[in-house]
């Protein structure tokens, strides 16, 4: 199941969790997110956000992404993604 946070703005938009990526330098994993804008059926990807490479596995990066989505849903902002969240 895809998890989305919908944003109340003039142009409809949503943020969703994307596939984590692994760093070539420290081999840790980053949580990734995508921001989509537009009406359903005509959406376009507006941005991709990636945390620092902080997590030892892809699974831990996904768990962190869910925690970040909780914060985004609650506060309207992501947590500091330069440190473990």
C-alpha atoms as a PDB file:
ATOM      1  CA  UNK A   1       0.000   0.000   0.000  1.00  0.00           C
ATOM      2  CA  UNK A   2       1.351   3.419  -0.957  1.00  0.00           C
ATOM      3  CA  UNK A   3       1.377   5.982   1.810  1.00  0.00           C
ATOM      4  CA  UNK A   4       0.537   9.579   0.890  1.00  0.00           C
ATOM      5  CA  UNK A   5       0.275  12.826   2.795  1.00  0.00           C
ATOM      6  CA  UNK A   6      -2.037  15.232   0.959  1.00  0.00           C
ATOM      7  CA  UNK A   7      -1.325  18.941   1.244  1.00  0.00           C
ATOM      8  CA  UNK A   8      -4.058  21.571   1.466  1.00  0.00           C
ATOM      9  CA  UNK A   9      -2.897  24.109  -1.100  1.00  0.00           C
ATOM     10  CA  UNK A  10      -4.385  25.899  -4.106  1.00  0.00           C
ATOM     11  CA  UNK A  11      -2.841  23.283  -6.405  1.00  0.00           C
ATOM     12  CA  UNK A  12      -3.477  19.735  -5.155  1.00  0.00           C
ATOM     13  CA  UNK A  13      -0.306  17.990  -4.088  1.00  0.00           C
ATOM     14  CA  UNK A  14       0.848  14.979  -2.153  1.00  0.00           C
ATOM     15  CA  UNK A  15       4.047  13.519  -0.757  1.00  0.00           C
ATOM     16  CA  UNK A  16       4.751   9.801  -0.894  1.00  0.00           C
ATOM     17  CA  UNK A  17       7.556   7.463   0.127  1.00  0.00           C
ATOM     18  CA  UNK A  18       9.929   6.493  -2.683  1.00  0.00           C
ATOM     19  CA  UNK A  19      12.406   3.616  -2.893  1.00  0.00           C
ATOM     20  CA  UNK A  20      15.393   4.077  -0.545  1.00  0.00           C
ATOM     21  CA  UNK A  21      18.820   4.572  -2.122  1.00  0.00           C
ATOM     22  CA  UNK A  22      22.220   3.338  -0.980  1.00  0.00           C
ATOM     23  CA  UNK A  23      25.230   5.635  -0.793  1.00  0.00           C
ATOM     24  CA  UNK A  24      28.332   4.724  -2.774  1.00  0.00           C
ATOM     25  CA  UNK A  25      30.564   6.414  -0.182  1.00  0.00           C
ATOM     26  CA  UNK A  26      29.429   4.985   3.170  1.00  0.00           C
ATOM     27  CA  UNK A  27      27.101   2.201   1.890  1.00  0.00           C
ATOM     28  CA  UNK A  28      24.298   3.345   4.207  1.00  0.00           C
ATOM     29  CA  UNK A  29      20.739   3.911   3.052  1.00  0.00           C
ATOM     30  CA  UNK A  30      18.724   7.113   2.635  1.00  0.00           C
ATOM     31  CA  UNK A  31      14.972   7.521   2.996  1.00  0.00           C
ATOM     32  CA  UNK A  32      13.434   9.047  -0.127  1.00  0.00           C
ATOM     33  CA  UNK A  33      10.226  10.902  -0.853  1.00  0.00           C
ATOM     34  CA  UNK A  34       8.483  12.319  -3.915  1.00  0.00           C
ATOM     35  CA  UNK A  35       6.203  15.351  -4.162  1.00  0.00           C
ATOM     36  CA  UNK A  36       3.498  15.171  -6.830  1.00  0.00           C
ATOM     37  CA  UNK A  37       1.319  18.109  -7.914  1.00  0.00           C
ATOM     38  CA  UNK A  38      -1.792  18.420 -10.029  1.00  0.00           C
ATOM     39  CA  UNK A  39      -5.175  16.842 -10.357  1.00  0.00           C
ATOM     40  CA  UNK A  40      -5.484  13.057 -10.144  1.00  0.00           C
ATOM     41  CA  UNK A  41      -4.732  11.583 -13.544  1.00  0.00           C
ATOM     42  CA  UNK A  42      -2.664  14.616 -14.559  1.00  0.00           C
ATOM     43  CA  UNK A  43      -0.098  14.654 -11.739  1.00  0.00           C
ATOM     44  CA  UNK A  44       3.541  15.516 -12.319  1.00  0.00           C
ATOM     45  CA  UNK A  45       6.519  14.832 -10.086  1.00  0.00           C
ATOM     46  CA  UNK A  46       7.609  18.190  -8.684  1.00  0.00           C
ATOM     47  CA  UNK A  47      10.419  17.157  -6.343  1.00  0.00           C
ATOM     48  CA  UNK A  48      12.364  14.280  -4.865  1.00  0.00           C
ATOM     49  CA  UNK A  49      13.650  14.605  -1.296  1.00  0.00           C
ATOM     50  CA  UNK A  50      16.336  12.357   0.147  1.00  0.00           C
ATOM     51  CA  UNK A  51      17.668  12.097   3.686  1.00  0.00           C
ATOM     52  CA  UNK A  52      21.333  11.833   4.485  1.00  0.00           C
ATOM     53  CA  UNK A  53      22.648   8.238   4.164  1.00  0.00           C
ATOM     54  CA  UNK A  54      22.057   7.259   7.792  1.00  0.00           C
ATOM     55  CA  UNK A  55      20.535   3.802   7.894  1.00  0.00           C
ATOM     56  CA  UNK A  56      22.247   0.405   7.934  1.00  0.00           C
ATOM     57  CA  UNK A  57      19.639  -1.334   5.767  1.00  0.00           C
ATOM     58  CA  UNK A  58      16.938  -0.632   3.239  1.00  0.00           C
ATOM     59  CA  UNK A  59      14.345  -1.819   5.771  1.00  0.00           C
ATOM     60  CA  UNK A  60      15.566   0.663   8.406  1.00  0.00           C
ATOM     61  CA  UNK A  61      15.412   3.459   5.820  1.00  0.00           C
ATOM     62  CA  UNK A  62      11.784   2.517   5.057  1.00  0.00           C
ATOM     63  CA  UNK A  63      10.895   2.492   8.759  1.00  0.00           C
ATOM     64  CA  UNK A  64      12.457   5.940   9.097  1.00  0.00           C
ATOM     65  CA  UNK A  65      10.505   7.136   6.050  1.00  0.00           C
ATOM     66  CA  UNK A  66       7.273   6.117   7.783  1.00  0.00           C
ATOM     67  CA  UNK A  67       8.323   8.020  10.907  1.00  0.00           C
ATOM     68  CA  UNK A  68       9.112  11.069   8.781  1.00  0.00           C
ATOM     69  CA  UNK A  69       5.684  10.837   7.143  1.00  0.00           C
ATOM     70  CA  UNK A  70       4.110  10.779  10.629  1.00  0.00           C
ATOM     71  CA  UNK A  71       5.929  14.030  11.436  1.00  0.00           C
ATOM     72  CA  UNK A  72       5.004  15.567   8.067  1.00  0.00           C
ATOM     73  CA  UNK A  73       1.363  14.655   8.580  1.00  0.00           C
ATOM     74  CA  UNK A  74       1.334  16.075  12.098  1.00  0.00           C
ATOM     75  CA  UNK A  75       3.394  19.265  11.621  1.00  0.00           C
ATOM     76  CA  UNK A  76       3.452  19.960   7.886  1.00  0.00           C
ATOM     77  CA  UNK A  77       7.259  19.661   7.883  1.00  0.00           C
ATOM     78  CA  UNK A  78       9.785  16.858   7.627  1.00  0.00           C
ATOM     79  CA  UNK A  79      12.069  16.154  10.600  1.00  0.00           C
ATOM     80  CA  UNK A  80      15.749  17.102  10.287  1.00  0.00           C
ATOM     81  CA  UNK A  81      16.864  14.511   7.769  1.00  0.00           C
ATOM     82  CA  UNK A  82      20.589  15.187   8.300  1.00  0.00           C
ATOM     83  CA  UNK A  83      20.485  13.105  11.477  1.00  0.00           C
ATOM     84  CA  UNK A  84      18.701   9.870  12.392  1.00  0.00           C
ATOM     85  CA  UNK A  85      14.999  10.479  12.856  1.00  0.00           C
END
